[in-house]
N, C-alpha and C. Protein backbone atom coordinates (compact mmCIF):
# COMPACT_ATOMS: atom_id res chain seq x y z
N MET A 1 24.92 -21.06 8.63
CA MET A 1 25.39 -19.97 7.26
C MET A 1 24.47 -19.51 6.34
N ALA A 2 23.62 -19.93 6.00
CA ALA A 2 22.70 -19.81 4.87
C ALA A 2 21.79 -18.33 5.10
N GLY A 3 21.62 -18.65 6.80
CA GLY A 3 20.98 -17.20 7.61
C GLY A 3 21.66 -16.07 7.15
N LEU A 4 23.06 -16.28 7.70
CA LEU A 4 23.94 -15.16 7.40
C LEU A 4 24.16 -14.57 6.29
N ALA A 5 23.99 -15.60 5.22
CA ALA A 5 24.40 -15.26 3.48
C ALA A 5 23.25 -14.20 3.38
N GLN A 6 21.82 -14.63 3.87
CA GLN A 6 20.71 -13.95 3.42
C GLN A 6 20.51 -12.60 4.05
N MET A 7 21.33 -12.57 5.57
CA MET A 7 21.18 -11.08 6.20
C MET A 7 22.23 -10.12 5.27
N SER A 8 23.26 -10.54 4.64
CA SER A 8 24.43 -10.00 4.08
C SER A 8 23.77 -9.53 2.69
N LYS A 9 23.18 -10.36 1.94
CA LYS A 9 22.37 -10.04 1.00
C LYS A 9 21.71 -8.83 0.96
N ALA A 10 20.73 -8.90 2.12
CA ALA A 10 19.74 -7.93 2.62
C ALA A 10 20.47 -6.61 2.66
N SER A 11 21.45 -6.76 3.83
CA SER A 11 22.16 -5.61 4.12
C SER A 11 22.35 -4.43 2.96
N THR A 12 23.19 -5.38 1.94
CA THR A 12 23.48 -4.90 0.78
C THR A 12 22.59 -4.52 -0.52
N TYR A 13 21.43 -4.81 -0.36
CA TYR A 13 20.45 -4.65 -0.95
C TYR A 13 19.86 -2.94 -1.06
N VAL A 14 19.80 -2.70 -2.53
CA VAL A 14 19.23 -1.30 -2.75
C VAL A 14 18.28 -1.46 -3.65
N ARG A 15 17.27 -0.69 -3.12
CA ARG A 15 16.04 -0.82 -3.88
C ARG A 15 16.12 0.02 -4.75
N ARG A 16 15.94 -0.72 -6.29
CA ARG A 16 15.90 0.07 -7.19
C ARG A 16 14.58 0.22 -8.16
N PHE A 17 13.93 1.35 -8.31
CA PHE A 17 12.23 1.46 -8.81
C PHE A 17 12.74 1.93 -10.04
N ALA A 18 11.50 1.51 -10.94
CA ALA A 18 11.41 2.00 -12.39
C ALA A 18 11.13 3.64 -12.45
N THR A 19 11.84 4.17 -13.36
CA THR A 19 11.34 5.53 -13.60
C THR A 19 10.13 5.77 -14.21
N ALA A 20 9.31 6.66 -13.15
CA ALA A 20 8.02 7.20 -13.74
C ALA A 20 8.22 8.40 -14.85
N VAL A 21 7.39 8.36 -16.08
CA VAL A 21 7.66 9.41 -16.90
C VAL A 21 6.46 10.15 -17.27
N SER A 22 6.22 11.41 -17.83
CA SER A 22 4.81 12.18 -17.52
C SER A 22 4.36 11.23 -18.95
N PRO A 23 2.85 11.36 -19.14
CA PRO A 23 2.20 10.65 -20.05
C PRO A 23 2.35 11.32 -21.46
N SER A 24 3.10 12.33 -21.61
CA SER A 24 3.28 13.23 -22.54
C SER A 24 4.57 13.04 -23.28
N VAL A 25 5.51 11.89 -22.83
CA VAL A 25 6.65 11.70 -23.25
C VAL A 25 6.53 10.55 -24.10
N ASN A 26 7.08 10.45 -25.12
CA ASN A 26 7.07 9.15 -26.08
C ASN A 26 8.41 8.38 -25.67
N THR A 27 8.13 7.17 -24.95
CA THR A 27 9.17 6.24 -24.80
C THR A 27 9.12 5.21 -25.79
N SER A 28 8.35 5.25 -26.98
CA SER A 28 8.66 4.15 -27.51
C SER A 28 9.99 3.80 -28.13
N ASN A 29 11.08 4.76 -28.73
CA ASN A 29 12.25 4.34 -28.86
C ASN A 29 13.52 4.47 -27.69
N SER A 30 13.03 4.45 -26.45
CA SER A 30 13.50 4.53 -25.41
C SER A 30 14.20 3.25 -24.30
N SER A 31 15.22 3.29 -23.85
CA SER A 31 15.39 1.75 -23.16
C SER A 31 15.04 2.25 -21.95
N THR A 32 14.78 3.45 -21.39
CA THR A 32 14.27 3.58 -19.91
C THR A 32 13.21 2.85 -19.73
N LYS A 33 13.51 2.27 -18.37
CA LYS A 33 12.06 1.47 -17.97
C LYS A 33 11.37 2.44 -16.97
N THR A 34 9.96 2.29 -17.38
CA THR A 34 8.95 3.33 -17.01
C THR A 34 8.07 2.73 -15.69
N SER A 35 7.52 3.39 -15.17
CA SER A 35 6.81 2.62 -13.90
C SER A 35 5.91 1.43 -14.80
N THR A 36 5.73 0.28 -13.54
CA THR A 36 4.94 -0.58 -14.29
C THR A 36 3.95 -0.51 -13.46
N ASP A 37 2.85 -1.53 -13.33
CA ASP A 37 1.71 -1.87 -13.26
C ASP A 37 0.60 -1.11 -13.91
N GLY A 38 0.55 -1.07 -15.02
CA GLY A 38 -0.41 -0.77 -15.93
C GLY A 38 -0.25 1.09 -16.06
N ASN A 39 0.57 1.76 -15.17
CA ASN A 39 0.26 3.02 -15.19
C ASN A 39 1.59 3.82 -14.70
N LEU A 40 1.31 5.02 -14.36
CA LEU A 40 2.55 6.00 -14.27
C LEU A 40 2.25 6.43 -12.59
N PHE A 41 1.38 5.83 -11.91
CA PHE A 41 1.41 6.17 -10.54
C PHE A 41 2.22 5.29 -9.51
N LEU A 42 2.65 4.43 -9.94
CA LEU A 42 3.25 3.10 -8.82
C LEU A 42 5.02 2.67 -9.69
N GLN A 43 5.73 2.95 -8.66
CA GLN A 43 7.20 2.18 -9.24
C GLN A 43 7.42 0.92 -8.58
N VAL A 44 8.03 0.31 -9.29
CA VAL A 44 8.06 -1.35 -8.95
C VAL A 44 9.68 -1.40 -8.77
N SER A 45 9.91 -2.07 -7.42
CA SER A 45 11.45 -1.97 -7.23
C SER A 45 11.79 -3.48 -7.91
N THR A 46 13.21 -3.76 -7.79
CA THR A 46 13.69 -4.91 -8.26
C THR A 46 13.40 -6.12 -7.04
N PRO A 47 13.16 -7.65 -7.45
CA PRO A 47 12.73 -8.22 -6.13
C PRO A 47 13.99 -8.32 -5.41
N HIS A 48 13.08 -8.10 -3.84
CA HIS A 48 14.44 -8.09 -2.54
C HIS A 48 14.93 -9.84 -3.00
N PRO A 49 16.47 -9.68 -2.36
CA PRO A 49 17.11 -10.90 -2.37
C PRO A 49 16.45 -11.80 -1.41
N VAL A 50 15.60 -11.81 -0.65
CA VAL A 50 15.42 -12.73 0.82
C VAL A 50 13.69 -12.83 0.41
N SER A 51 13.16 -12.02 0.27
CA SER A 51 11.54 -12.09 0.14
C SER A 51 11.12 -12.50 -1.10
N ASN A 52 11.99 -12.21 -2.34
CA ASN A 52 11.55 -12.09 -3.61
C ASN A 52 10.33 -10.86 -4.05
N ILE A 53 9.94 -10.53 -3.00
CA ILE A 53 9.00 -9.54 -3.37
C ILE A 53 9.24 -8.42 -4.06
N ARG A 54 8.55 -7.55 -4.98
CA ARG A 54 8.88 -6.44 -5.67
C ARG A 54 7.93 -5.28 -4.71
N LEU A 55 8.71 -4.70 -4.19
CA LEU A 55 7.99 -3.40 -3.59
C LEU A 55 7.29 -2.54 -4.30
N LEU A 56 6.99 -1.64 -3.50
CA LEU A 56 6.02 -0.54 -4.55
C LEU A 56 6.29 0.73 -3.76
N ARG A 57 5.79 1.97 -4.71
CA ARG A 57 5.87 3.44 -4.06
C ARG A 57 5.37 4.28 -4.89
N LEU A 58 4.93 5.10 -4.60
CA LEU A 58 3.86 6.34 -5.44
C LEU A 58 5.20 7.04 -6.27
N SER A 59 4.92 7.46 -7.49
CA SER A 59 5.74 8.28 -8.53
C SER A 59 5.37 9.65 -8.06
N VAL A 60 6.30 10.60 -8.74
CA VAL A 60 6.40 11.79 -8.30
C VAL A 60 5.05 12.65 -8.82
N TYR A 61 4.45 11.93 -10.47
CA TYR A 61 3.56 12.06 -10.98
C TYR A 61 2.26 11.99 -10.35
N ALA A 62 2.15 10.76 -9.47
CA ALA A 62 1.07 10.59 -8.81
C ALA A 62 0.85 11.48 -7.82
N LYS A 63 1.96 11.69 -7.16
CA LYS A 63 1.29 12.85 -6.15
C LYS A 63 1.53 13.97 -6.64
N GLN A 64 1.69 14.38 -7.85
CA GLN A 64 1.20 16.01 -8.55
C GLN A 64 -0.08 15.77 -8.99
N THR A 65 -0.61 14.63 -9.46
CA THR A 65 -1.72 14.57 -9.99
C THR A 65 -3.03 14.04 -9.19
N LEU A 66 -3.12 13.17 -8.76
CA LEU A 66 -3.96 12.44 -7.99
C LEU A 66 -4.69 12.99 -6.96
N SER A 67 -5.81 12.80 -6.81
CA SER A 67 -6.51 13.12 -5.54
C SER A 67 -6.10 12.50 -4.14
N ASP A 68 -6.15 13.16 -2.95
CA ASP A 68 -6.02 12.60 -1.60
C ASP A 68 -6.77 10.83 -1.71
N THR A 69 -7.89 11.07 -2.39
CA THR A 69 -8.62 9.77 -2.25
C THR A 69 -7.98 8.73 -2.88
N ASP A 70 -7.49 8.73 -4.21
CA ASP A 70 -6.87 8.20 -5.12
C ASP A 70 -5.43 7.65 -4.50
N ILE A 71 -4.65 8.91 -3.98
CA ILE A 71 -3.21 8.07 -3.26
C ILE A 71 -3.51 7.59 -2.24
N ALA A 72 -4.56 7.69 -1.29
CA ALA A 72 -4.93 6.57 -0.30
C ALA A 72 -5.10 5.25 -0.73
N MET A 73 -5.97 5.11 -1.97
CA MET A 73 -6.20 3.77 -2.46
C MET A 73 -4.78 3.15 -2.90
N LEU A 74 -3.80 4.01 -3.81
CA LEU A 74 -2.65 3.05 -3.71
C LEU A 74 -1.80 3.22 -2.72
N GLN A 75 -1.83 3.93 -1.85
CA GLN A 75 -1.02 3.63 -0.45
C GLN A 75 -1.06 2.39 0.28
N LYS A 76 -2.73 2.02 -0.02
CA LYS A 76 -2.94 0.81 0.41
C LYS A 76 -2.34 -0.69 -0.02
N ARG A 77 -2.29 -0.13 -1.34
CA ARG A 77 -1.55 -1.26 -2.19
C ARG A 77 -0.29 -1.39 -1.67
N ILE A 78 0.44 -0.25 -1.38
CA ILE A 78 2.03 0.09 -1.27
C ILE A 78 2.12 -0.94 0.23
N ASP A 79 1.07 -0.49 1.38
CA ASP A 79 1.26 -1.02 2.70
C ASP A 79 0.80 -2.53 2.45
N VAL A 80 -0.03 -3.08 1.47
CA VAL A 80 -0.39 -4.39 1.67
C VAL A 80 0.93 -5.32 0.95
N GLN A 81 1.75 -4.71 -0.06
CA GLN A 81 2.74 -5.60 -0.59
C GLN A 81 4.09 -5.40 0.41
N GLU A 82 4.09 -4.49 1.43
CA GLU A 82 4.98 -4.42 2.29
C GLU A 82 4.84 -5.63 3.10
N ARG A 83 3.48 -5.97 3.37
CA ARG A 83 3.30 -6.85 4.68
C ARG A 83 3.73 -8.18 3.77
N HIS A 84 3.32 -8.19 2.46
CA HIS A 84 3.86 -9.76 1.76
C HIS A 84 5.68 -9.79 1.99
N HIS A 85 5.95 -8.48 1.87
CA HIS A 85 7.60 -8.48 1.87
C HIS A 85 8.00 -9.00 3.42
N ILE A 86 7.39 -8.41 4.41
CA ILE A 86 7.60 -9.08 5.76
C ILE A 86 7.33 -10.45 5.97
N PHE A 87 6.25 -10.95 5.45
CA PHE A 87 5.68 -12.31 5.77
C PHE A 87 6.89 -13.30 4.87
N TRP A 88 7.12 -12.98 4.07
CA TRP A 88 8.08 -13.79 2.83
C TRP A 88 9.53 -13.59 3.23
N THR A 89 9.98 -12.59 3.88
CA THR A 89 11.21 -12.54 4.50
C THR A 89 11.35 -13.54 6.07
N ALA A 90 10.30 -13.44 6.38
CA ALA A 90 10.54 -13.97 7.91
C ALA A 90 10.27 -15.41 7.43
N ASN A 91 9.39 -16.08 6.42
CA ASN A 91 9.26 -17.37 5.75
C ASN A 91 10.33 -17.95 5.16
N ASN A 92 11.33 -17.10 4.23
CA ASN A 92 12.25 -17.68 3.66
C ASN A 92 13.39 -17.78 4.33
N THR A 93 13.74 -16.94 5.61
CA THR A 93 15.00 -17.00 6.22
C THR A 93 14.65 -18.30 7.18
N ASP A 94 13.53 -18.23 8.04
CA ASP A 94 13.16 -19.20 8.60
C ASP A 94 13.42 -20.63 7.99
N PHE A 95 12.69 -20.86 6.75
CA PHE A 95 13.06 -22.19 6.12
C PHE A 95 14.41 -22.34 5.74
N GLN A 96 15.23 -21.49 5.30
CA GLN A 96 16.76 -21.54 4.79
C GLN A 96 17.46 -21.91 6.14
N SER A 97 17.56 -21.35 7.50
CA SER A 97 18.05 -21.85 8.44
C SER A 97 17.63 -23.20 9.30
N LYS A 98 16.16 -23.99 9.10
CA LYS A 98 16.19 -24.98 9.37
C LYS A 98 16.64 -26.03 8.49
N LYS A 99 16.67 -25.59 7.24
CA LYS A 99 16.86 -26.64 5.86
C LYS A 99 18.32 -26.68 6.33
N SER A 100 19.04 -25.67 6.61
CA SER A 100 20.56 -25.91 6.89
C SER A 100 20.96 -26.96 7.98
N ALA A 101 20.25 -26.29 9.46
CA ALA A 101 20.51 -27.20 10.54
C ALA A 101 19.83 -28.76 10.21
N TYR A 102 18.95 -28.94 9.45
CA TYR A 102 18.67 -30.36 9.19
C TYR A 102 20.00 -31.12 8.42
N ILE A 103 20.70 -30.38 7.03
CA ILE A 103 21.42 -30.99 6.36
C ILE A 103 22.69 -31.14 7.25
N GLN A 104 22.85 -30.47 8.23
CA GLN A 104 23.96 -30.02 9.12
C GLN A 104 23.95 -31.35 10.01
N ALA A 105 22.96 -31.46 10.46
CA ALA A 105 22.62 -32.60 11.37
C ALA A 105 22.89 -33.79 11.44
N ILE A 106 22.56 -34.05 9.55
CA ILE A 106 22.88 -35.34 8.89
C ILE A 106 24.24 -35.65 8.62
N ASN A 107 25.09 -34.48 8.29
CA ASN A 107 26.14 -34.34 8.15
C ASN A 107 27.17 -34.95 9.31
N ASP A 108 26.74 -34.49 10.55
CA ASP A 108 27.29 -34.66 11.74
C ASP A 108 27.23 -36.41 12.09
N SER A 109 25.63 -36.61 11.90
CA SER A 109 25.58 -38.04 12.43
C SER A 109 25.89 -39.09 11.59
N ALA A 110 25.74 -38.72 9.85
CA ALA A 110 25.98 -39.82 9.37
C ALA A 110 27.22 -39.27 8.32
N HIS A 111 27.92 -38.73 8.55
CA HIS A 111 29.41 -38.11 7.83
C HIS A 111 28.85 -38.18 6.23
N ARG A 112 27.66 -37.49 5.74
CA ARG A 112 27.15 -37.61 4.34
C ARG A 112 26.05 -36.56 4.08
N GLU A 113 25.93 -36.54 2.81
CA GLU A 113 25.05 -35.73 2.44
C GLU A 113 23.54 -35.89 2.38
N PRO A 114 22.37 -35.70 2.70
CA PRO A 114 21.10 -36.39 3.09
C PRO A 114 21.01 -36.88 1.82
N THR A 115 19.96 -37.58 1.74
CA THR A 115 19.59 -38.43 0.51
C THR A 115 18.13 -37.59 0.09
N SER A 116 17.83 -37.81 -1.12
CA SER A 116 16.46 -37.15 -1.54
C SER A 116 15.49 -37.67 -0.68
N ALA A 117 15.26 -38.80 -0.35
CA ALA A 117 14.06 -39.31 0.36
C ALA A 117 14.25 -38.51 1.97
N GLU A 118 15.71 -38.23 2.25
CA GLU A 118 15.58 -37.67 3.91
C GLU A 118 15.12 -36.19 3.59
N MET A 119 15.35 -35.53 2.35
CA MET A 119 15.21 -34.04 2.08
C MET A 119 13.76 -33.80 1.85
N SER A 120 13.13 -35.08 1.07
CA SER A 120 11.46 -34.98 1.04
C SER A 120 10.78 -34.95 2.31
N TYR A 121 11.27 -35.77 3.06
CA TYR A 121 10.73 -35.89 4.53
C TYR A 121 10.83 -34.49 5.17
N PHE A 122 11.94 -34.00 5.17
CA PHE A 122 12.11 -32.35 5.61
C PHE A 122 11.14 -31.64 5.11
N TYR A 123 10.91 -31.39 3.89
CA TYR A 123 9.88 -30.40 3.42
C TYR A 123 8.70 -30.77 3.42
N LYS A 124 8.14 -32.20 3.68
CA LYS A 124 6.99 -32.31 4.05
C LYS A 124 6.85 -31.90 5.59
N SER A 125 7.75 -32.33 6.63
CA SER A 125 7.57 -31.66 8.11
C SER A 125 7.40 -30.02 8.00
N TYR A 126 8.34 -29.56 7.17
CA TYR A 126 8.38 -28.17 7.09
C TYR A 126 6.78 -27.54 6.61
N LEU A 127 6.18 -28.30 5.49
CA LEU A 127 5.07 -27.74 4.85
C LEU A 127 3.63 -28.13 6.24
N ASP A 128 4.31 -29.23 7.00
CA ASP A 128 2.81 -29.26 7.71
C ASP A 128 3.20 -28.25 8.81
N ASP A 129 4.37 -27.94 9.66
CA ASP A 129 4.71 -27.44 10.67
C ASP A 129 3.89 -25.74 10.40
N SER A 130 4.47 -25.60 9.04
CA SER A 130 4.06 -23.99 8.63
C SER A 130 2.51 -23.78 8.21
N TYR A 131 1.47 -25.01 8.25
CA TYR A 131 0.24 -24.82 7.37
C TYR A 131 -0.44 -23.81 8.18
N SER A 132 -0.64 -23.76 9.18
CA SER A 132 -1.45 -22.66 10.11
C SER A 132 -1.01 -21.55 9.69
N ARG A 133 0.11 -20.93 9.49
CA ARG A 133 0.50 -19.92 9.88
C ARG A 133 0.34 -19.34 7.96
N HIS A 134 0.55 -20.41 7.16
CA HIS A 134 0.55 -19.99 5.74
C HIS A 134 -1.00 -20.06 5.16
N SER A 135 -1.71 -20.48 5.92
CA SER A 135 -3.26 -20.64 5.96
C SER A 135 -4.02 -19.17 6.22
N ALA A 136 -3.28 -18.62 7.25
CA ALA A 136 -4.00 -17.59 7.97
C ALA A 136 -3.27 -16.37 6.75
N TYR A 137 -2.13 -16.48 6.43
CA TYR A 137 -1.35 -15.57 5.47
C TYR A 137 -2.47 -15.40 4.13
N ASN A 138 -2.85 -16.91 3.59
CA ASN A 138 -4.20 -16.54 2.41
C ASN A 138 -5.27 -15.81 3.04
N THR A 139 -5.81 -16.18 3.99
CA THR A 139 -6.79 -15.55 4.54
C THR A 139 -7.22 -14.24 4.50
N THR A 140 -5.65 -13.51 4.93
CA THR A 140 -5.75 -12.29 5.34
C THR A 140 -5.30 -11.68 3.99
N LEU A 141 -4.68 -12.27 2.99
CA LEU A 141 -4.59 -12.09 1.36
C LEU A 141 -5.68 -11.63 0.76
N TRP A 142 -6.68 -12.83 1.00
CA TRP A 142 -7.74 -12.65 0.09
C TRP A 142 -8.61 -11.41 0.52
N LYS A 143 -8.52 -11.10 1.72
CA LYS A 143 -9.47 -10.05 2.68
C LYS A 143 -8.99 -8.69 2.05
N GLU A 144 -7.60 -8.57 2.13
CA GLU A 144 -7.41 -7.31 1.69
C GLU A 144 -7.23 -6.96 0.23
N ASN A 145 -7.05 -7.92 -0.61
CA ASN A 145 -7.09 -7.46 -2.05
C ASN A 145 -8.64 -7.30 -2.64
N THR A 146 -9.70 -8.01 -1.87
CA THR A 146 -11.19 -8.15 -1.99
C THR A 146 -11.42 -6.64 -1.57
N SER A 147 -10.84 -6.11 -0.54
CA SER A 147 -11.14 -4.75 0.12
C SER A 147 -10.54 -3.63 -1.02
N MET A 148 -9.86 -4.09 -1.77
CA MET A 148 -9.37 -2.88 -2.71
C MET A 148 -10.06 -2.86 -4.02
N LEU A 149 -10.68 -3.72 -4.02
CA LEU A 149 -11.49 -3.81 -5.29
C LEU A 149 -12.76 -2.57 -5.90
N ILE A 150 -13.49 -2.59 -4.95
CA ILE A 150 -14.09 -1.31 -5.07
C ILE A 150 -13.75 -0.25 -5.24
N PRO A 151 -12.44 0.48 -4.33
CA PRO A 151 -12.04 1.59 -4.41
C PRO A 151 -11.26 1.69 -5.52
N GLY A 152 -10.54 0.72 -6.14
CA GLY A 152 -9.94 0.67 -7.15
C GLY A 152 -10.82 0.68 -8.61
N ILE A 153 -12.02 0.24 -8.46
CA ILE A 153 -12.98 0.33 -9.76
C ILE A 153 -13.36 1.94 -9.72
N LYS A 154 -13.86 2.36 -8.33
CA LYS A 154 -13.95 3.99 -8.27
C LYS A 154 -13.08 4.86 -8.88
N ALA A 155 -11.67 4.77 -8.45
CA ALA A 155 -10.78 5.18 -8.95
C ALA A 155 -10.65 5.30 -10.44
N ASP A 156 -10.45 4.33 -11.20
CA ASP A 156 -10.60 4.04 -12.47
C ASP A 156 -11.99 4.43 -13.11
N MET A 157 -13.00 4.79 -12.46
CA MET A 157 -14.04 5.21 -12.96
C MET A 157 -14.22 6.95 -13.13
N ARG A 158 -13.37 7.53 -12.42
CA ARG A 158 -13.08 8.68 -12.09
C ARG A 158 -12.22 8.90 -13.37
N GLN A 159 -10.96 8.20 -13.44
CA GLN A 159 -10.33 8.61 -14.67
C GLN A 159 -10.59 8.51 -15.93
N LEU A 160 -11.94 7.41 -16.24
CA LEU A 160 -12.71 7.05 -17.33
C LEU A 160 -13.34 8.42 -17.41
N SER A 161 -13.73 9.08 -16.72
CA SER A 161 -14.80 10.12 -16.39
C SER A 161 -14.26 11.57 -17.28
N HIS A 162 -12.63 11.62 -16.57
CA HIS A 162 -12.13 12.64 -17.18
C HIS A 162 -11.98 12.52 -18.62
N VAL A 163 -11.27 11.18 -18.95
CA VAL A 163 -11.00 10.99 -20.32
C VAL A 163 -12.04 11.15 -21.44
N ALA A 164 -13.08 10.67 -20.82
CA ALA A 164 -14.29 10.68 -21.72
C ALA A 164 -14.83 12.02 -21.86
N GLY A 165 -15.02 12.63 -21.01
CA GLY A 165 -15.16 14.11 -21.11
C GLY A 165 -14.26 14.57 -22.28
N GLY A 166 -13.10 14.60 -22.02
CA GLY A 166 -12.04 15.45 -22.91
C GLY A 166 -12.43 14.76 -24.33
N MET A 167 -13.09 13.40 -24.70
CA MET A 167 -13.25 12.81 -25.95
C MET A 167 -14.44 13.56 -26.32
N ILE A 168 -15.31 13.83 -25.81
CA ILE A 168 -16.74 14.55 -25.96
C ILE A 168 -16.58 16.06 -26.40
N ASN A 169 -15.68 16.50 -25.71
CA ASN A 169 -15.36 17.92 -26.27
C ASN A 169 -14.54 18.37 -27.32
N ASN A 170 -14.01 16.90 -27.69
CA ASN A 170 -12.79 17.47 -28.94
C ASN A 170 -13.59 16.55 -30.21
N ALA A 171 -14.62 15.84 -29.95
CA ALA A 171 -15.20 15.23 -30.89
C ALA A 171 -16.48 14.80 -30.42
N ARG A 172 -17.62 15.91 -30.77
CA ARG A 172 -18.95 15.88 -30.43
C ARG A 172 -19.35 14.22 -30.95
N GLU A 173 -19.02 14.35 -32.37
CA GLU A 173 -20.03 12.86 -33.02
C GLU A 173 -19.54 11.75 -32.48
N ARG A 174 -18.27 11.59 -31.20
CA ARG A 174 -18.22 10.38 -30.75
C ARG A 174 -18.94 10.41 -29.80
N LEU A 175 -19.75 9.02 -29.72
CA LEU A 175 -20.64 8.88 -28.43
C LEU A 175 -19.94 7.59 -27.25
N VAL A 176 -19.86 7.98 -26.16
CA VAL A 176 -18.91 7.03 -25.02
C VAL A 176 -20.26 6.02 -24.59
N ASP A 177 -20.08 4.93 -24.78
CA ASP A 177 -20.80 3.87 -24.22
C ASP A 177 -20.53 4.06 -22.81
N ALA A 178 -21.28 4.46 -21.92
CA ALA A 178 -20.70 4.23 -20.49
C ALA A 178 -20.54 2.91 -19.80
N ARG A 179 -21.68 2.12 -20.54
CA ARG A 179 -22.22 0.52 -20.16
C ARG A 179 -20.92 -0.30 -20.44
N TYR A 180 -20.26 0.02 -21.39
CA TYR A 180 -18.96 -0.82 -22.34
C TYR A 180 -18.02 -0.44 -21.32
N PHE A 181 -17.54 0.76 -21.13
CA PHE A 181 -16.45 1.45 -20.28
C PHE A 181 -16.63 0.74 -18.95
N THR A 182 -17.74 0.94 -18.26
CA THR A 182 -17.93 0.42 -17.10
C THR A 182 -17.21 -1.08 -16.84
N TRP A 183 -17.98 -2.16 -18.10
CA TRP A 183 -17.62 -3.28 -17.91
C TRP A 183 -16.06 -3.63 -18.08
N LEU A 184 -15.44 -2.62 -18.93
CA LEU A 184 -13.97 -2.98 -19.26
C LEU A 184 -13.29 -2.58 -18.25
N TYR A 185 -13.55 -1.87 -17.46
CA TYR A 185 -12.95 -1.44 -16.12
C TYR A 185 -13.60 -2.29 -14.75
N LEU A 186 -14.32 -2.66 -14.95
CA LEU A 186 -14.61 -3.39 -13.82
C LEU A 186 -13.62 -4.63 -14.22
N LYS A 187 -13.49 -5.47 -15.29
CA LYS A 187 -13.30 -6.71 -16.05
C LYS A 187 -11.54 -6.31 -15.51
N ARG A 188 -10.96 -5.01 -15.88
CA ARG A 188 -9.26 -4.83 -15.62
C ARG A 188 -9.32 -4.77 -14.17
N GLN A 189 -10.20 -4.51 -13.32
CA GLN A 189 -9.98 -4.14 -12.12
C GLN A 189 -10.11 -5.59 -11.33
N ILE A 190 -10.51 -6.29 -11.62
CA ILE A 190 -10.99 -7.61 -11.19
C ILE A 190 -9.37 -8.63 -11.33
N THR A 191 -9.91 -8.72 -12.75
CA THR A 191 -8.54 -9.58 -13.13
C THR A 191 -6.98 -8.89 -12.59
N HIS A 192 -6.74 -7.89 -12.58
CA HIS A 192 -5.82 -7.12 -11.78
C HIS A 192 -5.63 -7.80 -10.27
N ALA A 193 -6.83 -7.71 -9.41
CA ALA A 193 -6.45 -8.16 -8.31
C ALA A 193 -6.50 -9.64 -7.65
N PHE A 194 -7.09 -10.31 -8.82
CA PHE A 194 -7.25 -11.44 -8.62
C PHE A 194 -5.98 -12.84 -9.17
N SER A 195 -5.34 -11.99 -10.14
CA SER A 195 -4.90 -12.86 -11.35
C SER A 195 -3.22 -12.05 -11.12
N ASP A 196 -3.01 -11.34 -10.56
CA ASP A 196 -1.59 -10.76 -10.03
C ASP A 196 -0.95 -11.87 -9.22
N SER A 197 0.25 -12.31 -9.69
CA SER A 197 0.97 -13.72 -9.16
C SER A 197 1.62 -12.92 -7.67
N SER A 198 1.99 -11.75 -7.78
CA SER A 198 2.77 -11.19 -6.76
C SER A 198 1.62 -10.75 -5.50
N LEU A 199 0.47 -10.26 -5.96
CA LEU A 199 -0.45 -9.99 -4.94
C LEU A 199 -1.48 -10.68 -4.34
N LEU A 200 -1.48 -11.80 -5.17
CA LEU A 200 -2.48 -13.27 -4.87
C LEU A 200 -1.60 -14.07 -4.78
N TYR A 201 -0.35 -14.41 -4.03
CA TYR A 201 0.21 -15.45 -4.07
C TYR A 201 -0.51 -16.82 -3.10
N GLN A 202 -0.33 -18.05 -3.57
CA GLN A 202 -0.75 -19.05 -2.68
C GLN A 202 0.07 -19.71 -1.65
N ALA A 203 0.01 -19.67 -0.85
CA ALA A 203 1.02 -20.23 0.10
C ALA A 203 0.96 -21.43 0.62
N HIS A 204 -0.18 -22.32 0.63
CA HIS A 204 -0.20 -23.70 0.63
C HIS A 204 0.62 -24.56 -0.24
N GLY A 205 1.27 -25.42 0.40
CA GLY A 205 2.18 -26.36 -0.55
C GLY A 205 3.43 -25.58 -0.57
N VAL A 206 3.49 -24.49 -0.11
CA VAL A 206 5.07 -23.65 -0.59
C VAL A 206 5.64 -23.87 0.84
N THR A 207 7.04 -23.91 0.31
CA THR A 207 8.05 -23.98 1.68
C THR A 207 8.87 -22.54 1.63
N VAL A 208 8.83 -22.43 0.07
CA VAL A 208 9.75 -20.72 0.12
C VAL A 208 9.24 -20.10 -0.99
N ARG A 209 9.30 -18.87 -1.12
CA ARG A 209 8.87 -17.98 -2.20
C ARG A 209 10.07 -17.56 -3.13
C-alpha cells in the first residue's frame, strides 16, 4: 500500500521551480522567490515527494547570457542531480515496499505490530543488503562532483574577468588583486561542490532519504 501511495504522490507531483529574475531587478522588498544556487542561472524545484531531491533546470536568463561552454557545465550539474533523483526514487520506493511487507508479515503471523527490536532488525538487514549499491552510489557521486570542480572554477573566473574589467574601466584608481579573487572563487567552488548536502549526500548507513 505504501508503494501505491508513493506512486500516487509522484503522479500528481508538479515540479515548481523558483522564478529567475534579471540582475537589474531589485527584489529586496519582493516576496517572489528568485533562482537559488547562489546565482540566476539555475532554478530549483520543490523536493520530489518520493526521492526528496530538488531538481534543477536552466533559467531563461542563463540561456540568453551564458556561453555554450558555461551552459554545458550547468547542464552537467542538472544531469547529475537527475541521476540522484533516479537513485533515491528507486531506493525509497524499494525501502517502503519491503518495510510494509515486513510489517504485514508480522501482523499476519503474530497478529500484532512489530516491536522496536524487530524493526531494528529490519533496518539493519536492509542496510546490509543495500551496502554494495549505496557504496557504488557514493563512489560515482564523488567522481561526478570532482569532475565538475575545474569547469566550475573556469566558469567563475570568466565571470570574474568580466566583472573586474568593468570595475577597472569605471574606476581606474581601483586595483584588482587577481590572486585574491582566484582564491576567493576557488574556495567558493570547492565549498559548493563538497559541502552541498543535496549534491554530496552520503548513503552509507542510510535506509531512506
